Amino acid sequence: MSIKVKCFASMREYLDLSERDIAGDGINSVADVWQQIAGDKPMPDNTLCAVNQSQADAAYAVTDGDEVAFFPPVTGG
């Protein structure tokens, strides 16, 4: 099982990671993906997550071949 992980903007700097494939063994949710790539770094409360380019929350289930992305909050006006 493999999951592609992408990080954008300040999330890329926070985790020092832009893109990586990870083994999906023992990974069931977006939160599990975060723990795998971030180690002890907590997920900021306002982190936006997406699975296969659709918005998801940390509890969203992931499966083999999914793409999981992490974004900082988006602001504008």
Protein backbone atom coordinates (compact mmCIF):
# COMPACT_ATOMS: atom_id res chain seq x y z
CA MET A 1 0.00 0.00 0.00
CA SER A 2 1.31 3.44 -0.90
CA ILE A 3 -0.01 6.94 -0.28
CA LYS A 4 1.25 10.08 -2.02
CA VAL A 5 1.61 13.06 0.32
CA LYS A 6 1.89 16.68 -0.81
CA CYS A 7 2.45 19.79 1.28
CA PHE A 8 1.89 23.33 0.05
CA ALA A 9 3.03 26.86 0.97
CA SER A 10 3.98 27.26 4.64
CA MET A 11 3.14 23.60 5.34
CA ARG A 12 6.03 22.71 3.06
CA GLU A 13 8.40 24.76 5.23
CA TYR A 14 6.85 23.59 8.51
CA LEU A 15 7.43 19.93 7.61
CA ASP A 16 10.40 20.40 5.26
CA LEU A 17 8.50 18.27 2.75
CA SER A 18 6.93 19.03 -0.60
CA GLU A 19 6.02 15.56 -1.88
CA ARG A 20 6.68 11.99 -0.79
CA ASP A 21 5.25 8.51 -1.16
CA ILE A 22 4.78 6.68 2.14
CA ALA A 23 3.99 3.09 2.94
CA GLY A 24 0.37 2.80 3.97
CA ASP A 25 0.80 -0.03 6.45
CA GLY A 26 -1.06 0.90 9.63
CA ILE A 27 -2.41 4.13 8.13
CA ASN A 28 -6.17 4.45 8.24
CA SER A 29 -6.87 8.19 8.25
CA VAL A 30 -5.54 11.59 7.27
CA ALA A 31 -4.42 12.01 10.90
CA ASP A 32 -2.33 8.85 10.58
CA VAL A 33 -0.71 10.24 7.43
CA TRP A 34 0.14 13.45 9.30
CA GLN A 35 1.70 11.51 12.17
CA GLN A 36 3.78 9.48 9.72
CA ILE A 37 5.23 12.55 7.97
CA ALA A 38 5.36 15.01 10.88
CA GLY A 39 6.51 12.87 13.77
CA ASP A 40 6.15 14.94 16.95
CA LYS A 41 5.05 18.14 15.20
CA PRO A 42 1.38 18.83 15.90
CA MET A 43 -1.02 19.53 13.06
CA PRO A 44 -1.99 23.21 13.33
CA ASP A 45 -5.68 23.62 14.15
CA ASN A 46 -6.41 25.50 10.94
CA THR A 47 -4.72 23.04 8.55
CA LEU A 48 -6.71 22.28 5.41
CA CYS A 49 -6.57 18.68 4.22
CA ALA A 50 -7.56 17.06 0.95
CA VAL A 51 -7.79 13.47 -0.22
CA ASN A 52 -7.73 12.97 -3.98
CA GLN A 53 -8.28 16.72 -4.44
CA SER A 54 -11.45 16.82 -2.30
CA GLN A 55 -11.53 18.55 1.07
CA ALA A 56 -11.34 16.13 3.99
CA ASP A 57 -10.95 16.27 7.75
CA ALA A 58 -8.34 14.48 9.86
CA ALA A 59 -10.67 11.52 10.51
CA TYR A 60 -11.23 10.85 6.80
CA ALA A 61 -10.31 7.28 5.81
CA VAL A 62 -7.48 6.81 3.33
CA THR A 63 -6.80 3.80 1.13
CA ASP A 64 -4.09 2.46 -1.13
CA GLY A 65 -3.19 4.86 -3.93
CA ASP A 66 -4.77 7.95 -2.36
CA GLU A 67 -3.17 11.38 -2.59
CA VAL A 68 -3.27 13.34 0.67
CA ALA A 69 -2.45 17.05 0.69
CA PHE A 70 -1.94 19.55 3.50
CA PHE A 71 -2.44 23.31 3.06
CA PRO A 72 -2.16 26.29 5.39
CA PRO A 73 -5.35 28.28 5.91
CA VAL A 74 -6.34 30.36 2.90
CA THR A 75 -7.18 34.00 3.40
CA GLY A 76 -8.04 36.78 1.07
CA GLY A 77 -10.36 39.56 0.49
